Structures are given as structure tokens and as C-alpha cells.
Amino acid sequence: MRNDVFPYDVPQNLSKALSGHPVAADGIAYHGRHDDTELCFALFEPVRSAVSMAERRTDLDANRFWQVAGRYKIGLAP
């Protein structure tokens, strides 16, 4: 894991290049620099109109949240 500060102009320029590429990508999946075990998703602005909610679940795996939160020694205040 890198400890240096990553400039925002680099990923912004990369997203512009990818969104304008002939492959017409709607976004990217990547491993975050703060935790390379977790998968992150970045969707480009134009895809907003193409994304819809297929299902809304409120019974998500709470244990999964606490496993990740525990890794960083964070929690929720009552």
C-alpha cells in the first residue's frame, strides 16, 4: 500500500480518457488504495441515466460491515 498522496488530476484525466474511449466504458472496478482487499466501483457521469435500482434490500449482511469497520477500528455512535 502506498503512503504518498495521490494527486486528483491523474485519476480525473484517466476517467476522461476512459469515458471518451471507443469501448464506451460506463465505469471501472478497482481495488482501493486504502484497502486493496475491497473492490470499489467508479461510474462515469453519463451512465447515471442508464442505472436503475433492480432491488432494494435493507437486510444486508451487518456482520460484513462490522468486519470491515473493525479492520479500521471504527464504529457508529449511538
PDB file of N, CA and C in Angstrom:
ATOM      1  N   MET A   1       0.842  -1.175   0.000  1.00  0.00           N
ATOM      2  CA  MET A   1       0.000   0.000   0.000  1.00  0.00           C
ATOM      3  C   MET A   1       0.886   1.236   0.000  1.00  0.00           C
ATOM      4  N   ARG A   2       0.520   2.212  -0.802  1.00  0.00           N
ATOM      5  CA  ARG A   2       1.306   3.440  -0.913  1.00  0.00           C
ATOM      6  C   ARG A   2       0.909   4.420   0.182  1.00  0.00           C
ATOM      7  N   ASN A   3       1.869   5.126   0.714  1.00  0.00           N
ATOM      8  CA  ASN A   3       1.605   6.107   1.751  1.00  0.00           C
ATOM      9  C   ASN A   3       1.636   7.534   1.232  1.00  0.00           C
ATOM     10  N   ASP A   4       2.073   7.719  -0.008  1.00  0.00           N
ATOM     11  CA  ASP A   4       2.169   9.076  -0.530  1.00  0.00           C
ATOM     12  C   ASP A   4       0.795   9.589  -0.973  1.00  0.00           C
ATOM     13  N   VAL A   5       0.682  10.878  -1.119  1.00  0.00           N
ATOM     14  CA  VAL A   5      -0.575  11.495  -1.537  1.00  0.00           C
ATOM     15  C   VAL A   5      -0.681  11.389  -3.050  1.00  0.00           C
ATOM     16  N   PHE A   6      -1.801  10.917  -3.502  1.00  0.00           N
ATOM     17  CA  PHE A   6      -2.032  10.717  -4.930  1.00  0.00           C
ATOM     18  C   PHE A   6      -2.799  11.920  -5.468  1.00  0.00           C
ATOM     19  N   PRO A   7      -2.276  12.644  -6.467  1.00  0.00           N
ATOM     20  CA  PRO A   7      -2.961  13.842  -6.972  1.00  0.00           C
ATOM     21  C   PRO A   7      -4.261  13.480  -7.696  1.00  0.00           C
ATOM     22  N   TYR A   8      -5.283  14.280  -7.480  1.00  0.00           N
ATOM     23  CA  TYR A   8      -6.590  14.006  -8.087  1.00  0.00           C
ATOM     24  C   TYR A   8      -6.616  14.250  -9.584  1.00  0.00           C
ATOM     25  N   ASP A   9      -5.718  15.069 -10.112  1.00  0.00           N
ATOM     26  CA  ASP A   9      -5.745  15.320 -11.550  1.00  0.00           C
ATOM     27  C   ASP A   9      -5.435  14.056 -12.351  1.00  0.00           C
ATOM     28  N   VAL A  10      -4.650  13.156 -11.791  1.00  0.00           N
ATOM     29  CA  VAL A  10      -4.311  11.916 -12.503  1.00  0.00           C
ATOM     30  C   VAL A  10      -5.551  11.044 -12.700  1.00  0.00           C
ATOM     31  N   PRO A  11      -6.309  10.673 -11.646  1.00  0.00           N
ATOM     32  CA  PRO A  11      -7.497   9.849 -11.886  1.00  0.00           C
ATOM     33  C   PRO A  11      -8.582  10.585 -12.667  1.00  0.00           C
ATOM     34  N   GLN A  12      -8.685  11.903 -12.513  1.00  0.00           N
ATOM     35  CA  GLN A  12      -9.672  12.648 -13.289  1.00  0.00           C
ATOM     36  C   GLN A  12      -9.350  12.615 -14.773  1.00  0.00           C
ATOM     37  N   ASN A  13      -8.073  12.761 -15.122  1.00  0.00           N
ATOM     38  CA  ASN A  13      -7.673  12.668 -16.533  1.00  0.00           C
ATOM     39  C   ASN A  13      -7.873  11.256 -17.066  1.00  0.00           C
ATOM     40  N   LEU A  14      -7.598  10.263 -16.225  1.00  0.00           N
ATOM     41  CA  LEU A  14      -7.805   8.866 -16.628  1.00  0.00           C
ATOM     42  C   LEU A  14      -9.287   8.600 -16.882  1.00  0.00           C
ATOM     43  N   SER A  15     -10.159   9.088 -16.009  1.00  0.00           N
ATOM     44  CA  SER A  15     -11.591   8.853 -16.210  1.00  0.00           C
ATOM     45  C   SER A  15     -12.093   9.548 -17.471  1.00  0.00           C
ATOM     46  N   LYS A  16     -11.581  10.733 -17.776  1.00  0.00           N
ATOM     47  CA  LYS A  16     -11.960  11.425 -19.017  1.00  0.00           C
ATOM     48  C   LYS A  16     -11.536  10.612 -20.232  1.00  0.00           C
ATOM     49  N   ALA A  17     -10.319  10.083 -20.183  1.00  0.00           N
ATOM     50  CA  ALA A  17      -9.815   9.288 -21.306  1.00  0.00           C
ATOM     51  C   ALA A  17     -10.636   8.008 -21.479  1.00  0.00           C
ATOM     52  N   LEU A  18     -10.960   7.342 -20.381  1.00  0.00           N
ATOM     53  CA  LEU A  18     -11.730   6.103 -20.471  1.00  0.00           C
ATOM     54  C   LEU A  18     -13.157   6.348 -20.930  1.00  0.00           C
ATOM     55  N   SER A  19     -13.791   7.397 -20.422  1.00  0.00           N
ATOM     56  CA  SER A  19     -15.182   7.651 -20.801  1.00  0.00           C
ATOM     57  C   SER A  19     -15.296   8.067 -22.266  1.00  0.00           C
ATOM     58  N   GLY A  20     -14.241   8.645 -22.831  1.00  0.00           N
ATOM     59  CA  GLY A  20     -14.260   9.043 -24.230  1.00  0.00           C
ATOM     60  C   GLY A  20     -13.689   8.000 -25.176  1.00  0.00           C
ATOM     61  N   HIS A  21     -13.253   6.874 -24.654  1.00  0.00           N
ATOM     62  CA  HIS A  21     -12.646   5.810 -25.455  1.00  0.00           C
ATOM     63  C   HIS A  21     -13.711   5.098 -26.293  1.00  0.00           C
ATOM     64  N   PRO A  22     -13.346   4.586 -27.471  1.00  0.00           N
ATOM     65  CA  PRO A  22     -14.312   3.883 -28.324  1.00  0.00           C
ATOM     66  C   PRO A  22     -14.999   2.676 -27.655  1.00  0.00           C
ATOM     67  N   VAL A  23     -14.388   2.096 -26.641  1.00  0.00           N
ATOM     68  CA  VAL A  23     -15.021   0.962 -25.968  1.00  0.00           C
ATOM     69  C   VAL A  23     -16.268   1.410 -25.188  1.00  0.00           C
ATOM     70  N   ALA A  24     -16.404   2.700 -24.954  1.00  0.00           N
ATOM     71  CA  ALA A  24     -17.569   3.296 -24.292  1.00  0.00           C
ATOM     72  C   ALA A  24     -17.820   2.688 -22.912  1.00  0.00           C
ATOM     73  N   ALA A  25     -16.792   2.652 -22.101  1.00  0.00           N
ATOM     74  CA  ALA A  25     -16.919   2.099 -20.744  1.00  0.00           C
ATOM     75  C   ALA A  25     -17.836   2.983 -19.900  1.00  0.00           C
ATOM     76  N   ASP A  26     -18.662   2.349 -19.088  1.00  0.00           N
ATOM     77  CA  ASP A  26     -19.553   3.075 -18.185  1.00  0.00           C
ATOM     78  C   ASP A  26     -18.894   3.354 -16.843  1.00  0.00           C
ATOM     79  N   GLY A  27     -17.768   2.708 -16.596  1.00  0.00           N
ATOM     80  CA  GLY A  27     -17.067   2.893 -15.329  1.00  0.00           C
ATOM     81  C   GLY A  27     -15.961   1.875 -15.200  1.00  0.00           C
ATOM     82  N   ILE A  28     -15.384   1.813 -14.002  1.00  0.00           N
ATOM     83  CA  ILE A  28     -14.311   0.853 -13.757  1.00  0.00           C
ATOM     84  C   ILE A  28     -14.498   0.218 -12.376  1.00  0.00           C
ATOM     85  N   ALA A  29     -13.964  -0.968 -12.232  1.00  0.00           N
ATOM     86  CA  ALA A  29     -13.879  -1.642 -10.937  1.00  0.00           C
ATOM     87  C   ALA A  29     -12.398  -1.668 -10.579  1.00  0.00           C
ATOM     88  N   TYR A  30     -12.092  -1.358  -9.338  1.00  0.00           N
ATOM     89  CA  TYR A  30     -10.693  -1.279  -8.934  1.00  0.00           C
ATOM     90  C   TYR A  30     -10.557  -1.592  -7.452  1.00  0.00           C
ATOM     91  N   HIS A  31      -9.356  -1.879  -7.047  1.00  0.00           N
ATOM     92  CA  HIS A  31      -9.065  -2.076  -5.632  1.00  0.00           C
ATOM     93  C   HIS A  31      -8.615  -0.736  -5.060  1.00  0.00           C
ATOM     94  N   GLY A  32      -9.250  -0.305  -3.982  1.00  0.00           N
ATOM     95  CA  GLY A  32      -8.935   0.980  -3.371  1.00  0.00           C
ATOM     96  C   GLY A  32      -7.528   1.009  -2.810  1.00  0.00           C
ATOM     97  N   ARG A  33      -6.922   2.171  -2.817  1.00  0.00           N
ATOM     98  CA  ARG A  33      -5.552   2.280  -2.321  1.00  0.00           C
ATOM     99  C   ARG A  33      -5.482   2.212  -0.807  1.00  0.00           C
ATOM    100  N   HIS A  34      -6.593   2.451  -0.128  1.00  0.00           N
ATOM    101  CA  HIS A  34      -6.591   2.372   1.331  1.00  0.00           C
ATOM    102  C   HIS A  34      -6.808   0.952   1.829  1.00  0.00           C
ATOM    103  N   ASP A  35      -7.408   0.117   0.974  1.00  0.00           N
ATOM    104  CA  ASP A  35      -7.659  -1.278   1.341  1.00  0.00           C
ATOM    105  C   ASP A  35      -7.749  -2.088   0.062  1.00  0.00           C
ATOM    106  N   ASP A  36      -6.663  -2.715  -0.319  1.00  0.00           N
ATOM    107  CA  ASP A  36      -6.656  -3.427  -1.596  1.00  0.00           C
ATOM    108  C   ASP A  36      -7.354  -4.780  -1.541  1.00  0.00           C
ATOM    109  N   THR A  37      -8.014  -5.096  -0.425  1.00  0.00           N
ATOM    110  CA  THR A  37      -8.805  -6.326  -0.361  1.00  0.00           C
ATOM    111  C   THR A  37     -10.261  -6.069  -0.718  1.00  0.00           C
ATOM    112  N   GLU A  38     -10.662  -4.794  -0.769  1.00  0.00           N
ATOM    113  CA  GLU A  38     -12.048  -4.446  -1.070  1.00  0.00           C
ATOM    114  C   GLU A  38     -12.154  -3.908  -2.486  1.00  0.00           C
ATOM    115  N   LEU A  39     -13.202  -4.301  -3.192  1.00  0.00           N
ATOM    116  CA  LEU A  39     -13.426  -3.856  -4.562  1.00  0.00           C
ATOM    117  C   LEU A  39     -14.287  -2.599  -4.554  1.00  0.00           C
ATOM    118  N   CYS A  40     -13.866  -1.597  -5.315  1.00  0.00           N
ATOM    119  CA  CYS A  40     -14.580  -0.330  -5.434  1.00  0.00           C
ATOM    120  C   CYS A  40     -15.077  -0.181  -6.874  1.00  0.00           C
ATOM    121  N   PHE A  41     -16.100   0.635  -7.051  1.00  0.00           N
ATOM    122  CA  PHE A  41     -16.629   0.890  -8.386  1.00  0.00           C
ATOM    123  C   PHE A  41     -16.732   2.388  -8.603  1.00  0.00           C
ATOM    124  N   ALA A  42     -16.341   2.829  -9.777  1.00  0.00           N
ATOM    125  CA  ALA A  42     -16.485   4.231 -10.168  1.00  0.00           C
ATOM    126  C   ALA A  42     -17.298   4.248 -11.456  1.00  0.00           C
ATOM    127  N   LEU A  43     -18.430   4.933 -11.415  1.00  0.00           N
ATOM    128  CA  LEU A  43     -19.277   5.059 -12.600  1.00  0.00           C
ATOM    129  C   LEU A  43     -19.115   6.458 -13.161  1.00  0.00           C
ATOM    130  N   PHE A  44     -19.021   6.549 -14.476  1.00  0.00           N
ATOM    131  CA  PHE A  44     -18.872   7.839 -15.124  1.00  0.00           C
ATOM    132  C   PHE A  44     -20.223   8.538 -15.202  1.00  0.00           C
ATOM    133  N   GLU A  45     -20.208   9.848 -15.161  1.00  0.00           N
ATOM    134  CA  GLU A  45     -21.419  10.681 -15.118  1.00  0.00           C
ATOM    135  C   GLU A  45     -22.472  10.296 -16.160  1.00  0.00           C
ATOM    136  N   PRO A  46     -22.132  10.071 -17.426  1.00  0.00           N
ATOM    137  CA  PRO A  46     -23.174   9.771 -18.416  1.00  0.00           C
ATOM    138  C   PRO A  46     -23.975   8.504 -18.133  1.00  0.00           C
ATOM    139  N   VAL A  47     -23.454   7.597 -17.332  1.00  0.00           N
ATOM    140  CA  VAL A  47     -24.152   6.336 -17.082  1.00  0.00           C
ATOM    141  C   VAL A  47     -25.324   6.520 -16.113  1.00  0.00           C
ATOM    142  N   ARG A  48     -25.406   7.651 -15.458  1.00  0.00           N
ATOM    143  CA  ARG A  48     -26.447   7.884 -14.448  1.00  0.00           C
ATOM    144  C   ARG A  48     -27.838   7.563 -14.979  1.00  0.00           C
ATOM    145  N   SER A  49     -28.139   7.960 -16.196  1.00  0.00           N
ATOM    146  CA  SER A  49     -29.481   7.719 -16.750  1.00  0.00           C
ATOM    147  C   SER A  49     -29.698   6.245 -17.107  1.00  0.00           C
ATOM    148  N   ALA A  50     -28.637   5.481 -17.223  1.00  0.00           N
ATOM    149  CA  ALA A  50     -28.754   4.075 -17.594  1.00  0.00           C
ATOM    150  C   ALA A  50     -28.798   3.149 -16.384  1.00  0.00           C
ATOM    151  N   VAL A  51     -28.559   3.688 -15.189  1.00  0.00           N
ATOM    152  CA  VAL A  51     -28.534   2.866 -13.981  1.00  0.00           C
ATOM    153  C   VAL A  51     -29.883   2.956 -13.290  1.00  0.00           C
ATOM    154  N   SER A  52     -30.423   1.809 -12.946  1.00  0.00           N
ATOM    155  CA  SER A  52     -31.683   1.793 -12.208  1.00  0.00           C
ATOM    156  C   SER A  52     -31.587   0.767 -11.085  1.00  0.00           C
ATOM    157  N   MET A  53     -32.423   0.942 -10.097  1.00  0.00           N
ATOM    158  CA  MET A  53     -32.417   0.025  -8.961  1.00  0.00           C
ATOM    159  C   MET A  53     -33.248  -1.202  -9.313  1.00  0.00           C
ATOM    160  N   ALA A  54     -32.626  -2.362  -9.292  1.00  0.00           N
ATOM    161  CA  ALA A  54     -33.328  -3.601  -9.577  1.00  0.00           C
ATOM    162  C   ALA A  54     -33.999  -4.136  -8.322  1.00  0.00           C
ATOM    163  N   GLU A  55     -33.365  -3.898  -7.186  1.00  0.00           N
ATOM    164  CA  GLU A  55     -33.880  -4.423  -5.927  1.00  0.00           C
ATOM    165  C   GLU A  55     -33.314  -3.578  -4.797  1.00  0.00           C
ATOM    166  N   ARG A  56     -34.119  -3.332  -3.782  1.00  0.00           N
ATOM    167  CA  ARG A  56     -33.643  -2.612  -2.603  1.00  0.00           C
ATOM    168  C   ARG A  56     -33.744  -3.548  -1.421  1.00  0.00           C
ATOM    169  N   ARG A  57     -32.598  -3.785  -0.795  1.00  0.00           N
ATOM    170  CA  ARG A  57     -32.563  -4.684   0.355  1.00  0.00           C
ATOM    171  C   ARG A  57     -32.106  -3.911   1.576  1.00  0.00           C
ATOM    172  N   THR A  58     -32.833  -4.068   2.643  1.00  0.00           N
ATOM    173  CA  THR A  58     -32.458  -3.426   3.892  1.00  0.00           C
ATOM    174  C   THR A  58     -31.865  -4.426   4.875  1.00  0.00           C
ATOM    175  N   ASP A  59     -31.881  -5.693   4.512  1.00  0.00           N
ATOM    176  CA  ASP A  59     -31.352  -6.740   5.391  1.00  0.00           C
ATOM    177  C   ASP A  59     -29.958  -7.185   4.951  1.00  0.00           C
ATOM    178  N   LEU A  60     -29.109  -6.213   4.686  1.00  0.00           N
ATOM    179  CA  LEU A  60     -27.754  -6.522   4.249  1.00  0.00           C
ATOM    180  C   LEU A  60     -26.981  -7.197   5.373  1.00  0.00           C
ATOM    181  N   ASP A  61     -25.924  -7.844   5.029  1.00  0.00           N
ATOM    182  CA  ASP A  61     -25.107  -8.576   5.996  1.00  0.00           C
ATOM    183  C   ASP A  61     -24.389  -7.598   6.931  1.00  0.00           C
ATOM    184  N   ALA A  62     -24.978  -7.367   8.096  1.00  0.00           N
ATOM    185  CA  ALA A  62     -24.397  -6.428   9.068  1.00  0.00           C
ATOM    186  C   ALA A  62     -23.043  -6.917   9.545  1.00  0.00           C
ATOM    187  N   ASN A  63     -22.853  -8.202   9.614  1.00  0.00           N
ATOM    188  CA  ASN A  63     -21.557  -8.728  10.048  1.00  0.00           C
ATOM    189  C   ASN A  63     -20.447  -8.308   9.093  1.00  0.00           C
ATOM    190  N   ARG A  64     -20.741  -8.270   7.812  1.00  0.00           N
ATOM    191  CA  ARG A  64     -19.747  -7.857   6.822  1.00  0.00           C
ATOM    192  C   ARG A  64     -19.309  -6.415   7.081  1.00  0.00           C
ATOM    193  N   PHE A  65     -20.283  -5.538   7.377  1.00  0.00           N
ATOM    194  CA  PHE A  65     -19.951  -4.153   7.690  1.00  0.00           C
ATOM    195  C   PHE A  65     -19.013  -4.090   8.887  1.00  0.00           C
ATOM    196  N   TRP A  66     -19.360  -4.810   9.953  1.00  0.00           N
ATOM    197  CA  TRP A  66     -18.554  -4.738  11.172  1.00  0.00           C
ATOM    198  C   TRP A  66     -17.183  -5.370  10.986  1.00  0.00           C
ATOM    199  N   GLN A  67     -17.063  -6.354  10.096  1.00  0.00           N
ATOM    200  CA  GLN A  67     -15.746  -6.932   9.808  1.00  0.00           C
ATOM    201  C   GLN A  67     -14.833  -5.882   9.180  1.00  0.00           C
ATOM    202  N   VAL A  68     -15.368  -5.142   8.206  1.00  0.00           N
ATOM    203  CA  VAL A  68     -14.566  -4.113   7.550  1.00  0.00           C
ATOM    204  C   VAL A  68     -14.310  -2.965   8.517  1.00  0.00           C
ATOM    205  N   ALA A  69     -15.333  -2.532   9.254  1.00  0.00           N
ATOM    206  CA  ALA A  69     -15.168  -1.429  10.210  1.00  0.00           C
ATOM    207  C   ALA A  69     -14.159  -1.795  11.293  1.00  0.00           C
ATOM    208  N   GLY A  70     -14.187  -3.010  11.756  1.00  0.00           N
ATOM    209  CA  GLY A  70     -13.249  -3.448  12.792  1.00  0.00           C
ATOM    210  C   GLY A  70     -11.805  -3.408  12.334  1.00  0.00           C
ATOM    211  N   ARG A  71     -11.610  -3.661  11.057  1.00  0.00           N
ATOM    212  CA  ARG A  71     -10.261  -3.621  10.488  1.00  0.00           C
ATOM    213  C   ARG A  71      -9.645  -2.232  10.661  1.00  0.00           C
ATOM    214  N   TYR A  72     -10.498  -1.198  10.641  1.00  0.00           N
ATOM    215  CA  TYR A  72     -10.018   0.175  10.747  1.00  0.00           C
ATOM    216  C   TYR A  72     -10.271   0.786  12.123  1.00  0.00           C
ATOM    217  N   LYS A  73     -10.763  -0.048  13.033  1.00  0.00           N
ATOM    218  CA  LYS A  73     -11.053   0.417  14.405  1.00  0.00           C
ATOM    219  C   LYS A  73     -12.027   1.592  14.394  1.00  0.00           C
ATOM    220  N   ILE A  74     -13.120   1.452  13.626  1.00  0.00           N
ATOM    221  CA  ILE A  74     -14.161   2.468  13.595  1.00  0.00           C
ATOM    222  C   ILE A  74     -15.495   1.847  13.994  1.00  0.00           C
ATOM    223  N   GLY A  75     -16.442   2.669  14.335  1.00  0.00           N
ATOM    224  CA  GLY A  75     -17.755   2.191  14.707  1.00  0.00           C
ATOM    225  C   GLY A  75     -18.782   3.290  14.524  1.00  0.00           C
ATOM    226  N   LEU A  76     -19.962   3.072  15.067  1.00  0.00           N
ATOM    227  CA  LEU A  76     -21.051   4.043  14.973  1.00  0.00           C
ATOM    228  C   LEU A  76     -21.390   4.539  16.366  1.00  0.00           C
ATOM    229  N   ALA A  77     -21.617   5.825  16.471  1.00  0.00           N
ATOM    230  CA  ALA A  77     -22.058   6.402  17.745  1.00  0.00           C
ATOM    231  C   ALA A  77     -23.548   6.171  17.888  1.00  0.00           C
ATOM    232  N   PRO A  78     -24.034   5.934  19.119  1.00  0.00           N
ATOM    233  CA  PRO A  78     -25.481   5.697  19.301  1.00  0.00           C
ATOM    234  C   PRO A  78     -26.306   6.945  19.032  1.00  0.00           C
TER     235      PRO A  78
END
